[in-house]
PDB file of N, CA and C in Angstrom:
ATOM      1  N   MET A   1      74.708  64.351-105.671  1.00  0.00           N
ATOM      2  CA  MET A   1      74.880  63.767-104.071  1.00  0.00           C
ATOM      3  C   MET A   1      73.892  64.466-103.470  1.00  0.00           C
ATOM      4  N   ARG A   2      73.132  65.829-103.512  1.00  0.00           N
ATOM      5  CA  ARG A   2      71.964  65.796-102.903  1.00  0.00           C
ATOM      6  C   ARG A   2      71.122  65.198-103.473  1.00  0.00           C
ATOM      7  N   GLU A   3      70.657  64.577-104.715  1.00  0.00           N
ATOM      8  CA  GLU A   3      69.459  63.897-104.678  1.00  0.00           C
ATOM      9  C   GLU A   3      69.570  62.438-104.134  1.00  0.00           C
ATOM     10  N   LEU A   4      70.852  61.898-103.819  1.00  0.00           N
ATOM     11  CA  LEU A   4      71.002  60.593-103.122  1.00  0.00           C
ATOM     12  C   LEU A   4      70.456  60.947-101.452  1.00  0.00           C
ATOM     13  N   LEU A   5      70.983  61.702-101.147  1.00  0.00           N
ATOM     14  CA  LEU A   5      70.204  62.401 -99.670  1.00  0.00           C
ATOM     15  C   LEU A   5      68.944  62.609 -99.244  1.00  0.00           C
ATOM     16  N   SER A   6      68.184  63.170-100.757  1.00  0.00           N
ATOM     17  CA  SER A   6      67.197  63.802-100.569  1.00  0.00           C
ATOM     18  C   SER A   6      66.027  62.362-101.099  1.00  0.00           C
ATOM     19  N   LYS A   7      66.538  61.135-101.438  1.00  0.00           N
ATOM     20  CA  LYS A   7      65.761  60.313-101.750  1.00  0.00           C
ATOM     21  C   LYS A   7      66.286  59.248-100.224  1.00  0.00           C
ATOM     22  N   ILE A   8      66.627  59.603 -99.682  1.00  0.00           N
ATOM     23  CA  ILE A   8      67.306  58.330 -98.214  1.00  0.00           C
ATOM     24  C   ILE A   8      66.307  59.043 -97.342  1.00  0.00           C
ATOM     25  N   SER A   9      66.298  60.678 -97.185  1.00  0.00           N
ATOM     26  CA  SER A   9      65.265  61.531 -96.242  1.00  0.00           C
ATOM     27  C   SER A   9      64.075  61.121 -96.679  1.00  0.00           C
ATOM     28  N   ASN A  10      63.468  61.019 -97.907  1.00  0.00           N
ATOM     29  CA  ASN A  10      62.172  60.714 -98.075  1.00  0.00           C
ATOM     30  C   ASN A  10      61.827  59.006 -97.928  1.00  0.00           C
ATOM     31  N   GLY A  11      62.859  58.641 -97.789  1.00  0.00           N
ATOM     32  CA  GLY A  11      62.415  57.066 -97.768  1.00  0.00           C
ATOM     33  C   GLY A  11      62.013  56.972 -96.054  1.00  0.00           C
ATOM     34  N   VAL A  12      63.114  57.359 -95.149  1.00  0.00           N
ATOM     35  CA  VAL A  12      63.067  57.441 -94.290  1.00  0.00           C
ATOM     36  C   VAL A  12      61.605  58.128 -93.304  1.00  0.00           C
ATOM     37  N   LYS A  13      61.439  58.894 -94.056  1.00  0.00           N
ATOM     38  CA  LYS A  13      60.047  59.778 -94.080  1.00  0.00           C
ATOM     39  C   LYS A  13      59.017  58.791 -94.281  1.00  0.00           C
ATOM     40  N   GLU A  14      59.053  58.220 -95.380  1.00  0.00           N
ATOM     41  CA  GLU A  14      58.228  56.829 -95.651  1.00  0.00           C
ATOM     42  C   GLU A  14      57.472  56.130 -94.544  1.00  0.00           C
ATOM     43  N   HIS A  15      58.896  55.585 -93.817  1.00  0.00           N
ATOM     44  CA  HIS A  15      59.172  54.396 -93.495  1.00  0.00           C
ATOM     45  C   HIS A  15      59.174  54.584 -92.452  1.00  0.00           C
ATOM     46  N   LEU A  16      58.685  55.905 -91.394  1.00  0.00           N
ATOM     47  CA  LEU A  16      59.464  56.061 -90.130  1.00  0.00           C
ATOM     48  C   LEU A  16      58.946  55.134 -89.041  1.00  0.00           C
ATOM     49  N   ASP A  17      57.468  55.023 -89.400  1.00  0.00           N
ATOM     50  CA  ASP A  17      56.781  54.108 -88.420  1.00  0.00           C
ATOM     51  C   ASP A  17      57.699  52.281 -88.098  1.00  0.00           C
ATOM     52  N   ASP A  18      57.517  51.735 -89.872  1.00  0.00           N
ATOM     53  CA  ASP A  18      58.117  50.610 -89.601  1.00  0.00           C
ATOM     54  C   ASP A  18      59.604  50.630 -88.841  1.00  0.00           C
ATOM     55  N   ILE A  19      60.536  51.572 -89.445  1.00  0.00           N
ATOM     56  CA  ILE A  19      61.696  51.664 -88.542  1.00  0.00           C
ATOM     57  C   ILE A  19      61.867  52.209 -86.947  1.00  0.00           C
ATOM     58  N   ILE A  20      61.157  52.449 -86.597  1.00  0.00           N
ATOM     59  CA  ILE A  20      60.985  52.771 -84.865  1.00  0.00           C
ATOM     60  C   ILE A  20      60.718  51.052 -84.471  1.00  0.00           C
ATOM     61  N   LEU A  21      59.744  50.680 -85.329  1.00  0.00           N
ATOM     62  CA  LEU A  21      59.203  49.224 -84.852  1.00  0.00           C
ATOM     63  C   LEU A  21      60.419  48.113 -84.827  1.00  0.00           C
ATOM     64  N   LEU A  22      61.249  48.460 -85.928  1.00  0.00           N
ATOM     65  CA  LEU A  22      62.408  47.336 -86.188  1.00  0.00           C
ATOM     66  C   LEU A  22      63.370  47.920 -84.935  1.00  0.00           C
ATOM     67  N   VAL A  23      63.646  49.231 -84.938  1.00  0.00           N
ATOM     68  CA  VAL A  23      64.526  49.206 -83.724  1.00  0.00           C
ATOM     69  C   VAL A  23      64.146  48.833 -82.210  1.00  0.00           C
ATOM     70  N   GLY A  24      62.574  48.814 -82.060  1.00  0.00           N
ATOM     71  CA  GLY A  24      62.449  48.742 -80.914  1.00  0.00           C
ATOM     72  C   GLY A  24      62.398  47.127 -80.259  1.00  0.00           C
ATOM     73  N   VAL A  25      61.847  46.294 -81.870  1.00  0.00           N
ATOM     74  CA  VAL A  25      61.835  45.073 -81.349  1.00  0.00           C
ATOM     75  C   VAL A  25      63.245  44.403 -81.231  1.00  0.00           C
ATOM     76  N   ILE A  26      64.770  45.359 -81.997  1.00  0.00           N
ATOM     77  CA  ILE A  26      66.080  44.901 -81.738  1.00  0.00           C
ATOM     78  C   ILE A  26      65.895  44.826 -80.264  1.00  0.00           C
ATOM     79  N   LEU A  27      65.837  45.874 -79.786  1.00  0.00           N
ATOM     80  CA  LEU A  27      66.338  46.545 -78.244  1.00  0.00           C
ATOM     81  C   LEU A  27      65.671  46.069 -77.261  1.00  0.00           C
ATOM     82  N   ILE A  28      64.677  45.145 -77.537  1.00  0.00           N
ATOM     83  CA  ILE A  28      64.022  44.548 -76.805  1.00  0.00           C
ATOM     84  C   ILE A  28      64.582  43.191 -76.928  1.00  0.00           C
ATOM     85  N   SER A  29      64.650  42.889 -77.715  1.00  0.00           N
ATOM     86  CA  SER A  29      65.572  41.580 -77.601  1.00  0.00           C
ATOM     87  C   SER A  29      67.183  41.299 -77.275  1.00  0.00           C
ATOM     88  N   LEU A  30      67.879  42.223 -77.425  1.00  0.00           N
ATOM     89  CA  LEU A  30      69.261  42.412 -76.877  1.00  0.00           C
ATOM     90  C   LEU A  30      69.180  43.004 -75.240  1.00  0.00           C
ATOM     91  N   LEU A  31      68.072  43.763 -74.546  1.00  0.00           N
ATOM     92  CA  LEU A  31      67.957  43.986 -73.894  1.00  0.00           C
ATOM     93  C   LEU A  31      67.296  42.038 -72.674  1.00  0.00           C
ATOM     94  N   SER A  32      66.177  41.501 -73.664  1.00  0.00           N
ATOM     95  CA  SER A  32      66.035  40.081 -72.944  1.00  0.00           C
ATOM     96  C   SER A  32      67.542  39.587 -72.944  1.00  0.00           C
ATOM     97  N   PHE A  33      68.215  39.175 -74.006  1.00  0.00           N
ATOM     98  CA  PHE A  33      69.447  38.172 -74.037  1.00  0.00           C
ATOM     99  C   PHE A  33      70.186  39.074 -72.892  1.00  0.00           C
ATOM    100  N   ALA A  34      70.273  40.188 -72.778  1.00  0.00           N
ATOM    101  CA  ALA A  34      71.333  40.537 -71.694  1.00  0.00           C
ATOM    102  C   ALA A  34      70.869  40.006 -70.369  1.00  0.00           C
ATOM    103  N   ILE A  35      69.793  40.181 -70.086  1.00  0.00           N
ATOM    104  CA  ILE A  35      69.358  39.919 -68.718  1.00  0.00           C
ATOM    105  C   ILE A  35      69.176  38.147 -68.475  1.00  0.00           C
ATOM    106  N   GLY A  36      69.005  37.602 -69.827  1.00  0.00           N
ATOM    107  CA  GLY A  36      68.882  36.136 -69.166  1.00  0.00           C
ATOM    108  C   GLY A  36      70.479  35.946 -69.054  1.00  0.00           C
ATOM    109  N   TYR A  37      71.448  36.656 -69.895  1.00  0.00           N
ATOM    110  CA  TYR A  37      72.679  36.269 -69.592  1.00  0.00           C
ATOM    111  C   TYR A  37      73.456  36.411 -68.340  1.00  0.00           C
ATOM    112  N   ILE A  38      72.937  37.872 -67.923  1.00  0.00           N
ATOM    113  CA  ILE A  38      73.103  38.039 -66.278  1.00  0.00           C
ATOM    114  C   ILE A  38      72.775  37.198 -65.562  1.00  0.00           C
ATOM    115  N   LEU A  39      71.588  36.880 -65.731  1.00  0.00           N
ATOM    116  CA  LEU A  39      70.909  35.956 -64.279  1.00  0.00           C
ATOM    117  C   LEU A  39      71.609  34.424 -64.387  1.00  0.00           C
ATOM    118  N   ALA A  40      72.200  33.831 -65.814  1.00  0.00           N
ATOM    119  CA  ALA A  40      72.418  32.868 -66.314  1.00  0.00           C
ATOM    120  C   ALA A  40      74.159  33.056 -65.116  1.00  0.00           C
ATOM    121  N   LYS A  41      74.520  33.813 -65.606  1.00  0.00           N
ATOM    122  CA  LYS A  41      75.722  33.846 -64.651  1.00  0.00           C
ATOM    123  C   LYS A  41      76.090  34.427 -63.267  1.00  0.00           C
ATOM    124  N   GLN A  42      74.803  34.374 -62.421  1.00  0.00           N
ATOM    125  CA  GLN A  42      74.885  34.812 -61.336  1.00  0.00           C
ATOM    126  C   GLN A  42      74.299  33.557 -60.704  1.00  0.00           C
ATOM    127  N   GLN A  43      73.710  32.330 -61.504  1.00  0.00           N
ATOM    128  CA  GLN A  43      73.112  30.989 -60.807  1.00  0.00           C
ATOM    129  C   GLN A  43      73.731  29.838 -61.277  1.00  0.00           C
ATOM    130  N   GLU A  44      75.677  30.097 -61.639  1.00  0.00           N
ATOM    131  CA  GLU A  44      76.464  29.231 -61.586  1.00  0.00           C
ATOM    132  C   GLU A  44      76.400  28.007 -60.897  1.00  0.00           C
ATOM    133  N   LYS A  45      76.319  26.470 -61.908  1.00  0.00           N
ATOM    134  CA  LYS A  45      76.017  25.704 -60.823  1.00  0.00           C
ATOM    135  C   LYS A  45      77.378  24.956 -61.179  1.00  0.00           C
ATOM    136  N   GLU A  46      77.570  23.956 -60.094  1.00  0.00           N
ATOM    137  CA  GLU A  46      78.763  22.803 -60.303  1.00  0.00           C
ATOM    138  C   GLU A  46      78.611  21.870 -61.033  1.00  0.00           C
ATOM    139  N   PRO A  47      79.145  21.719 -62.424  1.00  0.00           N
ATOM    140  CA  PRO A  47      79.470  20.875 -63.003  1.00  0.00           C
ATOM    141  C   PRO A  47      78.839  19.602 -62.579  1.00  0.00           C
ATOM    142  N   LEU A  48      78.160  18.493 -63.280  1.00  0.00           N
ATOM    143  CA  LEU A  48      77.881  17.081 -62.894  1.00  0.00           C
ATOM    144  C   LEU A  48      78.676  16.523 -63.427  1.00  0.00           C
ATOM    145  N   LYS A  49      79.091  15.281 -62.199  1.00  0.00           N
ATOM    146  CA  LYS A  49      80.601  14.998 -62.232  1.00  0.00           C
ATOM    147  C   LYS A  49      79.918  13.138 -62.844  1.00  0.00           C
ATOM    148  N   ILE A  50      80.522  12.418 -63.587  1.00  0.00           N
ATOM    149  CA  ILE A  50      80.210  11.533 -63.871  1.00  0.00           C
ATOM    150  C   ILE A  50      81.519  10.544 -62.960  1.00  0.00           C
ATOM    151  N   GLU A  51      80.463   9.087 -61.696  1.00  0.00           N
ATOM    152  CA  GLU A  51      81.785   8.879 -61.462  1.00  0.00           C
ATOM    153  C   GLU A  51      81.875   7.336 -61.484  1.00  0.00           C
ATOM    154  N   GLN A  52      80.783   6.857 -62.199  1.00  0.00           N
ATOM    155  CA  GLN A  52      81.185   6.073 -62.893  1.00  0.00           C
ATOM    156  C   GLN A  52      80.067   5.635 -64.421  1.00  0.00           C
ATOM    157  N   PRO A  53      81.239   5.443 -65.120  1.00  0.00           N
ATOM    158  CA  PRO A  53      80.381   4.929 -66.225  1.00  0.00           C
ATOM    159  C   PRO A  53      79.431   4.032 -66.859  1.00  0.00           C
ATOM    160  N   TYR A  54      77.910   5.113 -67.574  1.00  0.00           N
ATOM    161  CA  TYR A  54      76.798   4.258 -67.416  1.00  0.00           C
ATOM    162  C   TYR A  54      76.815   3.172 -68.474  1.00  0.00           C
ATOM    163  N   GLU A  55      76.394   2.063 -68.311  1.00  0.00           N
ATOM    164  CA  GLU A  55      76.247   0.635 -69.256  1.00  0.00           C
ATOM    165  C   GLU A  55      75.340   0.356 -70.276  1.00  0.00           C
ATOM    166  N   LEU A  56      75.197   0.799 -71.311  1.00  0.00           N
ATOM    167  CA  LEU A  56      73.812   0.735 -72.147  1.00  0.00           C
ATOM    168  C   LEU A  56      73.832  -0.442 -72.423  1.00  0.00           C
ATOM    169  N   ARG A  57      72.709  -1.533 -72.108  1.00  0.00           N
ATOM    170  CA  ARG A  57      72.663  -2.496 -72.513  1.00  0.00           C
ATOM    171  C   ARG A  57      71.176  -2.716 -73.974  1.00  0.00           C
ATOM    172  N   ILE A  58      71.681  -3.465 -74.738  1.00  0.00           N
ATOM    173  CA  ILE A  58      69.762  -3.855 -75.682  1.00  0.00           C
ATOM    174  C   ILE A  58      69.564  -4.693 -75.816  1.00  0.00           C
ATOM    175  N   PHE A  59      68.202  -5.310 -75.719  1.00  0.00           N
ATOM    176  CA  PHE A  59      68.241  -6.594 -75.668  1.00  0.00           C
ATOM    177  C   PHE A  59      67.610  -7.025 -77.047  1.00  0.00           C
ATOM    178  N   THR A  60      68.434  -8.030 -77.787  1.00  0.00           N
ATOM    179  CA  THR A  60      67.930  -8.212 -79.561  1.00  0.00           C
ATOM    180  C   THR A  60      68.205  -9.999 -79.162  1.00  0.00           C
ATOM    181  N   ASN A  61      67.103 -10.334 -80.040  1.00  0.00           N
ATOM    182  CA  ASN A  61      66.468 -11.778 -80.200  1.00  0.00           C
ATOM    183  C   ASN A  61      66.869 -12.466 -78.706  1.00  0.00           C
ATOM    184  N   LEU A  62      67.075 -11.968 -77.784  1.00  0.00           N
ATOM    185  CA  LEU A  62      67.482 -12.505 -76.284  1.00  0.00           C
ATOM    186  C   LEU A  62      68.926 -12.820 -75.924  1.00  0.00           C
ATOM    187  N   ARG A  63      69.279 -11.922 -77.063  1.00  0.00           N
ATOM    188  CA  ARG A  63      70.783 -11.935 -76.971  1.00  0.00           C
ATOM    189  C   ARG A  63      71.355 -10.223 -76.152  1.00  0.00           C
ATOM    190  N   ILE A  64      72.056 -10.089 -75.149  1.00  0.00           N
ATOM    191  CA  ILE A  64      72.681  -8.690 -74.787  1.00  0.00           C
ATOM    192  C   ILE A  64      73.476  -8.182 -75.162  1.00  0.00           C
ATOM    193  N   THR A  65      73.775  -7.302 -75.695  1.00  0.00           N
ATOM    194  CA  THR A  65      74.684  -6.179 -76.555  1.00  0.00           C
ATOM    195  C   THR A  65      75.349  -5.289 -75.631  1.00  0.00           C
ATOM    196  N   ASN A  66      76.318  -5.280 -75.492  1.00  0.00           N
ATOM    197  CA  ASN A  66      77.055  -3.388 -74.683  1.00  0.00           C
ATOM    198  C   ASN A  66      77.068  -2.936 -75.574  1.00  0.00           C
ATOM    199  N   LEU A  67      76.578  -2.014 -75.777  1.00  0.00           N
ATOM    200  CA  LEU A  67      77.166  -1.040 -76.364  1.00  0.00           C
ATOM    201  C   LEU A  67      78.391  -0.429 -76.187  1.00  0.00           C
ATOM    202  N   LEU A  68      78.707   0.294 -74.646  1.00  0.00           N
ATOM    203  CA  LEU A  68      79.769   0.639 -74.422  1.00  0.00           C
ATOM    204  C   LEU A  68      80.539   0.215 -73.532  1.00  0.00           C
TER     205      LEU A  68
END
């Protein structure tokens, strides 16, 4: 058990810079997401309402085809 803890401790000491960088990137990512989420919640807009359905027509060989 002591050997395992010793190996883990040595591994952490060897890669401390990389671990700190990884934790920093994760924290910045979470903070950015949280700020974006909060701002989006504050700027909620009324959803678009479609009053009349859109009619799509494609001209093929001089014939009009209604797709909707």
